[in-house]
């Protein structure tokens, strides 16, 4: 079934699988609802053999023998299998055509059928014989290798019970009682969970496939989300670099080319805009390149600070020299030097520096 559903799209295949599972679960307890699920599946996947098979089985369970026969024939044509031949034979009986039922049943070599299918076909053929009043031949239809009283299979209770019924119709009540008892023992010997296990196994298999598909989808979604996250990080990283380069260009008094700048990078380099660019770079998420740019900026700032400290130290040295000169300067010494210069001038000119010399 899984292989057949693989021909559908993933979404459609999942929905069809769910309808088929529900049809199998409800087949015995609520055949009408099971048939609704089979119809829903057929509307989605009418060319899938297993879907037509499910529709045939549920139609048979609801007593719609014409639909069951048509869908079983379609299933047989698509799949090339004869495993629903007993249902087709019994549907012909349900339509009141036992002769056609017998003809259909004889159209295949029963020995080549699976044991369970052969047992079901024998029961259907025996019923057609009973419809025609052919009781002895009805009993002969049931005498097949699968009618083994020492071994019990899933088909054994029904086969034993059918044989007992024909024996009873023939008046062989004692023999009929023996086979009724064997049918009961076979049914008791079989684990009731065996039939359920077949359905549960199908459900588990389909659920496993669905879970695997969901897991694959989650992995694809996670991969897409990771790709988006990485793309966002790359965009943020590029924005960091652009902002940092713009800030450095602004500090150097250079203009940022229009084709290399973005909305985050300033184009007019005033001091406020440079500060804003620096703030933007600081607020951006840290990355390896951003940290390198920040470290370089710190080194430049440290170098500028060291240069300023050197200039300040040089100015301090000049101040100290001036103070030292002021400490050794004496105004009286300078006045004495001036007076000495004036006496020298008087001796040479015959006049005092301030006017004529008074006599005695």
Protein backbone atom coordinates (compact mmCIF):
# COMPACT_ATOMS: atom_id res chain seq x y z
CA UNK A 1 0.00 0.00 0.00
CA UNK A 2 2.77 2.42 0.89
CA UNK A 3 4.37 1.93 -2.52
CA UNK A 4 1.07 2.62 -4.30
CA UNK A 5 0.48 5.79 -2.29
CA UNK A 6 3.97 7.03 -3.18
CA UNK A 7 2.58 7.81 -6.63
CA UNK A 8 0.53 10.59 -5.01
CA UNK A 9 1.75 13.91 -3.74
CA UNK A 10 2.90 13.88 -0.13
CA UNK A 11 -0.10 15.82 1.19
CA UNK A 12 -2.64 13.84 -0.80
CA UNK A 13 -0.97 10.53 0.03
CA UNK A 14 -1.12 11.32 3.75
CA UNK A 15 -4.83 12.09 3.59
CA UNK A 16 -5.61 8.96 1.57
CA UNK A 17 -3.63 6.82 4.03
CA UNK A 18 -5.60 8.23 6.96
CA UNK A 19 -8.92 7.43 5.26
CA UNK A 20 -7.80 3.88 4.49
CA UNK A 21 -6.68 3.31 8.06
CA UNK A 22 -9.99 4.53 9.42
CA UNK A 23 -11.87 2.35 6.95
CA UNK A 24 -9.97 -0.69 8.22
CA UNK A 25 -10.58 0.18 11.86
CA UNK A 26 -14.33 0.80 11.43
CA UNK A 27 -15.04 -2.02 8.97
CA UNK A 28 -16.57 -4.39 11.55
CA UNK A 29 -18.01 -1.94 14.08
CA UNK A 30 -19.38 0.73 11.73
CA UNK A 31 -19.29 -0.39 8.09
CA UNK A 32 -21.28 2.63 6.89
CA UNK A 33 -18.73 5.07 8.29
CA UNK A 34 -15.91 2.87 7.01
CA UNK A 35 -17.51 3.09 3.57
CA UNK A 36 -17.59 6.90 3.83
CA UNK A 37 -13.85 6.92 4.48
CA UNK A 38 -13.27 4.61 1.52
CA UNK A 39 -15.33 6.92 -0.70
CA UNK A 40 -13.29 9.91 0.49
CA UNK A 41 -10.10 8.04 -0.35
CA UNK A 42 -11.39 7.13 -3.81
CA UNK A 43 -12.23 10.76 -4.54
CA UNK A 44 -8.58 11.63 -3.89
CA UNK A 45 -6.93 8.59 -5.50
CA UNK A 46 -9.34 6.78 -7.82
CA UNK A 47 -6.55 5.21 -9.87
CA UNK A 48 -4.83 3.54 -6.92
CA UNK A 49 -5.60 -0.17 -6.64
CA UNK A 50 -5.65 -0.38 -2.85
CA UNK A 51 -8.19 2.45 -2.72
CA UNK A 52 -10.54 0.65 -5.12
CA UNK A 53 -10.08 -2.51 -3.07
CA UNK A 54 -11.06 -0.71 0.13
CA UNK A 55 -14.13 0.72 -1.58
CA UNK A 56 -15.14 -2.75 -2.80
CA UNK A 57 -14.77 -4.30 0.66
CA UNK A 58 -16.70 -1.57 2.47
CA UNK A 59 -19.44 -1.61 -0.18
CA UNK A 60 -19.75 -5.39 0.28
CA UNK A 61 -20.01 -4.94 4.07
CA UNK A 62 -22.86 -2.45 3.63
CA UNK A 63 -24.72 -4.76 1.23
CA UNK A 64 -24.10 -2.72 -1.91
CA UNK A 65 -23.17 -5.76 -3.99
CA UNK A 66 -23.30 -4.02 -7.36
CA UNK A 67 -20.79 -1.40 -6.26
CA UNK A 68 -18.67 -4.04 -4.53
CA UNK A 69 -18.56 -6.15 -7.72
CA UNK A 70 -17.69 -3.16 -9.90
CA UNK A 71 -14.94 -1.89 -7.60
CA UNK A 72 -13.50 -5.40 -7.12
CA UNK A 73 -13.31 -5.83 -10.88
CA UNK A 74 -11.57 -2.46 -11.20
CA UNK A 75 -9.12 -3.45 -8.46
CA UNK A 76 -8.46 -6.74 -10.23
CA UNK A 77 -7.82 -4.99 -13.53
CA UNK A 78 -5.45 -2.40 -12.01
CA UNK A 79 -3.53 -4.76 -9.75
CA UNK A 80 -3.69 -8.01 -11.73
CA UNK A 81 -4.50 -9.88 -8.50
CA UNK A 82 -7.25 -12.42 -7.76
CA UNK A 83 -7.28 -12.03 -3.98
CA UNK A 84 -10.74 -10.38 -4.06
CA UNK A 85 -12.24 -13.10 -6.25
CA UNK A 86 -14.25 -14.59 -3.32
CA UNK A 87 -15.86 -11.17 -2.75
CA UNK A 88 -16.75 -10.98 -6.45
CA UNK A 89 -18.32 -14.45 -6.39
CA UNK A 90 -20.33 -13.66 -3.28
CA UNK A 91 -21.43 -10.31 -4.75
CA UNK A 92 -22.81 -12.18 -7.74
CA UNK A 93 -24.73 -14.31 -5.26
CA UNK A 94 -25.97 -11.16 -3.53
CA UNK A 95 -27.27 -9.92 -6.85
CA UNK A 96 -29.19 -13.17 -7.26
CA UNK A 97 -26.93 -14.68 -9.91
CA UNK A 98 -25.48 -17.92 -8.48
CA UNK A 99 -24.79 -19.36 -11.93
CA UNK A 100 -22.60 -16.40 -12.82
CA UNK A 101 -20.99 -16.69 -9.41
CA UNK A 102 -19.97 -20.29 -10.13
CA UNK A 103 -18.74 -19.35 -13.59
CA UNK A 104 -16.64 -16.53 -12.16
CA UNK A 105 -15.20 -18.80 -9.45
CA UNK A 106 -14.15 -21.41 -12.01
CA UNK A 107 -12.38 -18.80 -14.14
CA UNK A 108 -9.15 -19.16 -12.14
CA UNK A 109 -7.01 -22.06 -10.96
CA UNK A 110 -7.89 -22.26 -7.26
CA UNK A 111 -4.70 -24.21 -6.51
CA UNK A 112 -2.65 -21.13 -7.37
CA UNK A 113 -4.44 -18.92 -4.88
CA UNK A 114 -3.19 -18.13 -1.40
CA UNK A 115 -4.59 -20.53 1.25
CA UNK A 116 -6.79 -17.88 2.87
CA UNK A 117 -8.13 -16.77 -0.53
CA UNK A 118 -8.78 -20.35 -1.60
CA UNK A 119 -10.68 -21.04 1.63
CA UNK A 120 -12.83 -17.94 1.15
CA UNK A 121 -13.50 -18.84 -2.47
CA UNK A 122 -14.56 -22.39 -1.45
CA UNK A 123 -17.06 -20.93 1.03
CA UNK A 124 -18.47 -18.58 -1.64
CA UNK A 125 -18.73 -21.35 -4.25
CA UNK A 126 -20.40 -23.64 -1.70
CA UNK A 127 -22.93 -20.92 -1.00
CA UNK A 128 -23.69 -20.57 -4.71
CA UNK A 129 -24.27 -24.33 -4.85
CA UNK A 130 -26.67 -24.08 -1.92
CA UNK A 131 -28.50 -21.24 -3.72
CA UNK A 132 -29.03 -23.65 -6.58
CA UNK A 133 -30.09 -26.47 -4.26
CA UNK A 134 -26.95 -28.50 -4.93
CA UNK A 135 -26.18 -29.51 -1.34
CA UNK A 136 -23.91 -32.46 -2.05
CA UNK A 137 -21.86 -30.41 -4.47
CA UNK A 138 -21.83 -27.59 -1.94
CA UNK A 139 -20.14 -29.95 0.52
CA UNK A 140 -17.63 -31.02 -2.15
CA UNK A 141 -16.69 -27.38 -2.79
CA UNK A 142 -15.51 -27.19 0.84
CA UNK A 143 -13.40 -30.33 0.85
CA UNK A 144 -10.07 -28.67 0.12
CA UNK A 145 -6.61 -29.13 1.70
CA UNK A 146 -7.27 -26.18 4.00
CA UNK A 147 -10.07 -28.17 5.71
CA UNK A 148 -7.62 -29.64 8.22
CA UNK A 149 -9.15 -30.34 11.66
CA UNK A 150 -5.73 -30.67 13.28
CA UNK A 151 -4.51 -27.20 12.41
CA UNK A 152 -6.06 -23.79 12.91
CA UNK A 153 -5.47 -20.74 10.76
CA UNK A 154 -7.24 -17.41 10.52
CA UNK A 155 -9.64 -18.87 7.93
CA UNK A 156 -10.23 -22.17 9.78
CA UNK A 157 -13.21 -21.17 11.98
CA UNK A 158 -15.26 -19.93 9.00
CA UNK A 159 -14.31 -22.89 6.83
CA UNK A 160 -15.15 -25.41 9.58
CA UNK A 161 -18.45 -23.66 10.32
CA UNK A 162 -19.43 -23.61 6.62
CA UNK A 163 -18.70 -27.34 6.37
CA UNK A 164 -20.78 -28.01 9.48
CA UNK A 165 -23.70 -26.04 8.01
CA UNK A 166 -23.75 -28.08 4.81
CA UNK A 167 -23.52 -31.29 6.83
CA UNK A 168 -26.49 -30.12 8.85
CA UNK A 169 -28.44 -29.38 5.65
CA UNK A 170 -27.68 -32.92 4.55
CA UNK A 171 -29.10 -34.29 7.80
CA UNK A 172 -25.76 -35.36 9.18
CA UNK A 173 -26.28 -33.67 12.51
CA UNK A 174 -23.68 -35.64 14.45
CA UNK A 175 -20.98 -34.85 11.96
CA UNK A 176 -22.19 -31.27 11.86
CA UNK A 177 -21.86 -31.05 15.68
CA UNK A 178 -18.28 -32.28 15.47
CA UNK A 179 -17.34 -29.62 12.95
CA UNK A 180 -19.16 -26.91 14.85
CA UNK A 181 -17.11 -27.87 17.90
CA UNK A 182 -13.94 -27.79 15.83
CA UNK A 183 -14.82 -24.34 14.54
CA UNK A 184 -15.32 -23.15 18.11
CA UNK A 185 -12.05 -24.67 19.28
CA UNK A 186 -10.20 -23.13 16.33
CA UNK A 187 -11.67 -19.76 17.11
CA UNK A 188 -10.74 -20.05 20.77
CA UNK A 189 -7.26 -21.24 19.86
CA UNK A 190 -6.62 -18.22 17.74
CA UNK A 191 -5.57 -15.15 19.63
CA UNK A 192 -8.26 -12.50 19.20
CA UNK A 193 -5.51 -9.94 18.97
CA UNK A 194 -4.10 -11.64 15.86
CA UNK A 195 -6.74 -10.08 13.62
CA UNK A 196 -6.32 -6.76 15.40
CA UNK A 197 -2.56 -7.06 15.08
CA UNK A 198 -2.85 -7.03 11.32
CA UNK A 199 -4.72 -3.72 11.45
CA UNK A 200 -2.49 -2.30 14.17
CA UNK A 201 0.56 -3.30 12.16
CA UNK A 202 -0.78 -1.39 9.17
CA UNK A 203 -1.57 1.63 11.34
CA UNK A 204 1.87 1.56 12.95
CA UNK A 205 3.52 1.29 9.54
CA UNK A 206 1.56 4.21 8.11
CA UNK A 207 2.05 6.27 11.27
CA UNK A 208 5.77 5.55 11.07
CA UNK A 209 5.86 6.78 7.49
CA UNK A 210 3.87 9.87 8.38
CA UNK A 211 6.10 10.56 11.37
CA UNK A 212 9.17 10.16 9.17
CA UNK A 213 7.69 12.58 6.63
CA UNK A 214 6.88 15.07 9.39
CA UNK A 215 10.40 14.71 10.77
CA UNK A 216 11.85 15.33 7.30
CA UNK A 217 9.65 18.39 6.95
CA UNK A 218 10.77 19.68 10.35
CA UNK A 219 14.40 19.18 9.34
CA UNK A 220 13.83 21.09 6.11
CA UNK A 221 12.08 23.89 8.03
CA UNK A 222 14.93 24.01 10.55
CA UNK A 223 17.48 24.15 7.73
CA UNK A 224 15.57 26.98 6.07
CA UNK A 225 15.36 28.86 9.36
CA UNK A 226 19.09 28.38 9.90
CA UNK A 227 19.79 29.66 6.39
CA UNK A 228 17.65 32.72 7.08
CA UNK A 229 19.44 33.30 10.38
CA UNK A 230 22.85 33.07 8.72
CA UNK A 231 21.71 35.44 5.97
CA UNK A 232 20.53 37.92 8.62
CA UNK A 233 23.85 37.63 10.42
CA UNK A 234 25.71 38.24 7.16
CA UNK A 235 23.59 41.32 6.49
CA UNK A 236 24.22 42.62 10.01
CA UNK A 237 27.93 41.91 9.61
CA UNK A 238 28.06 43.85 6.33
CA UNK A 239 26.19 46.71 7.99
CA UNK A 240 28.76 46.72 10.82
CA UNK A 241 31.64 46.90 8.38
CA UNK A 242 29.99 49.64 6.33
CA UNK A 243 29.27 51.71 9.45
CA UNK A 244 32.80 51.23 10.78
CA UNK A 245 34.39 52.15 7.44
CA UNK A 246 32.15 55.19 7.18
CA UNK A 247 33.15 56.28 10.67
CA UNK A 248 36.86 55.87 9.92
CA UNK A 249 36.51 57.75 6.64
CA UNK A 250 34.73 60.54 8.47
CA UNK A 251 37.55 60.78 10.98
CA UNK A 252 40.02 61.11 8.11
CA UNK A 253 37.85 63.75 6.49
CA UNK A 254 37.10 61.52 3.49
CA UNK A 255 33.75 61.23 1.79
CA UNK A 256 32.14 57.78 1.43
CA UNK A 257 31.45 56.84 -2.24
CA UNK A 258 27.73 56.77 -2.95
CA UNK A 259 27.79 53.21 -4.29
CA UNK A 260 29.57 51.89 -1.19
CA UNK A 261 27.50 53.62 1.46
CA UNK A 262 24.11 52.56 2.79
CA UNK A 263 21.39 54.03 4.92
CA UNK A 264 23.37 53.39 8.10
CA UNK A 265 26.51 55.21 6.89
CA UNK A 266 26.63 59.07 7.11
CA UNK A 267 27.42 61.03 3.97
CA UNK A 268 27.97 64.44 5.61
CA UNK A 269 30.72 64.12 8.18
CA UNK A 270 29.89 66.54 10.96
CA UNK A 271 31.06 65.75 14.44
CA UNK A 272 27.57 64.71 15.57
CA UNK A 273 27.18 62.35 12.63
CA UNK A 274 30.56 60.81 13.35
CA UNK A 275 29.47 60.22 16.93
CA UNK A 276 26.21 58.69 15.69
CA UNK A 277 28.14 56.40 13.36
CA UNK A 278 30.36 55.33 16.22
CA UNK A 279 27.31 54.64 18.38
CA UNK A 280 25.74 52.58 15.59
CA UNK A 281 28.90 50.55 15.26
CA UNK A 282 28.99 50.04 19.03
CA UNK A 283 25.33 48.90 19.12
CA UNK A 284 25.72 46.41 16.24
CA UNK A 285 26.15 42.73 17.20
CA UNK A 286 29.75 41.85 17.91
CA UNK A 287 31.64 39.77 15.36
CA UNK A 288 35.24 38.93 14.64
CA UNK A 289 35.71 41.75 12.10
CA UNK A 290 33.77 44.23 14.24
CA UNK A 291 35.97 43.46 17.22
CA UNK A 292 39.07 43.93 15.06
CA UNK A 293 37.80 47.32 13.85
CA UNK A 294 36.98 48.30 17.42
CA UNK A 295 40.45 47.25 18.57
CA UNK A 296 42.02 49.31 15.78
CA UNK A 297 39.93 52.32 16.80
CA UNK A 298 41.05 51.85 20.40
CA UNK A 299 44.68 51.77 19.28
CA UNK A 300 44.23 55.00 17.30
CA UNK A 301 42.56 56.65 20.28
CA UNK A 302 45.37 55.46 22.56
CA UNK A 303 47.97 56.86 20.15
CA UNK A 304 46.14 60.21 20.02
CA UNK A 305 45.99 60.27 23.80
CA UNK A 306 49.73 59.52 24.05
CA UNK A 307 50.50 62.33 21.58
CA UNK A 308 48.40 64.75 23.59
CA UNK A 309 50.19 63.72 26.76
CA UNK A 310 53.56 64.32 25.02
CA UNK A 311 52.49 67.82 23.96
CA UNK A 312 51.33 68.54 27.48
CA UNK A 313 54.62 67.29 28.88
CA UNK A 314 56.57 69.56 26.48
CA UNK A 315 54.48 72.54 27.51
CA UNK A 316 55.14 71.69 31.13
CA UNK A 317 58.90 71.68 30.45
CA UNK A 318 58.67 75.16 28.84
CA UNK A 319 56.75 76.43 31.84
CA UNK A 320 59.43 75.09 34.16
CA UNK A 321 62.15 76.88 32.16
CA UNK A 322 60.29 80.18 32.33
CA UNK A 323 59.82 79.79 36.03
CA UNK A 324 63.56 79.08 36.41
CA UNK A 325 64.42 82.25 34.49
CA UNK A 326 62.09 84.28 36.66
CA UNK A 327 63.71 82.85 39.80
CA UNK A 328 67.24 84.09 38.84
CA UNK A 329 66.13 87.53 37.58
CA UNK A 330 67.04 90.56 39.97
CA UNK A 331 65.69 94.07 39.10
CA UNK A 332 68.38 95.86 41.20
CA UNK A 333 71.11 94.21 39.18
CA UNK A 334 69.48 95.46 36.00
CA UNK A 335 69.24 99.06 37.52
CA UNK A 336 72.91 98.96 38.49
CA UNK A 337 73.79 97.94 34.98
CA UNK A 338 71.76 100.87 33.60
CA UNK A 339 73.45 103.41 35.95
CA UNK A 340 76.79 102.06 35.00
CA UNK A 341 75.90 102.58 31.40
CA UNK A 342 74.84 106.22 32.18
CA UNK A 343 78.19 107.07 33.93
CA UNK A 344 80.02 105.82 30.94
CA UNK A 345 78.00 108.06 28.69
CA UNK A 346 78.66 111.21 30.97
CA UNK A 347 82.41 110.78 30.99
CA UNK A 348 82.42 110.65 27.26
CA UNK A 349 80.08 113.63 26.62
CA UNK A 350 80.80 115.94 29.64
CA UNK A 351 77.09 115.88 30.61
CA UNK A 352 75.06 113.92 32.98
CA UNK A 353 72.40 111.79 31.50
CA UNK A 354 69.76 113.87 33.28
CA UNK A 355 71.15 117.53 32.49
CA UNK A 356 74.12 120.09 33.10
CA UNK A 357 76.40 119.56 36.16
CA UNK A 358 76.12 122.34 38.87
CA UNK A 359 79.36 124.09 39.80
CA UNK A 360 80.71 124.48 43.44
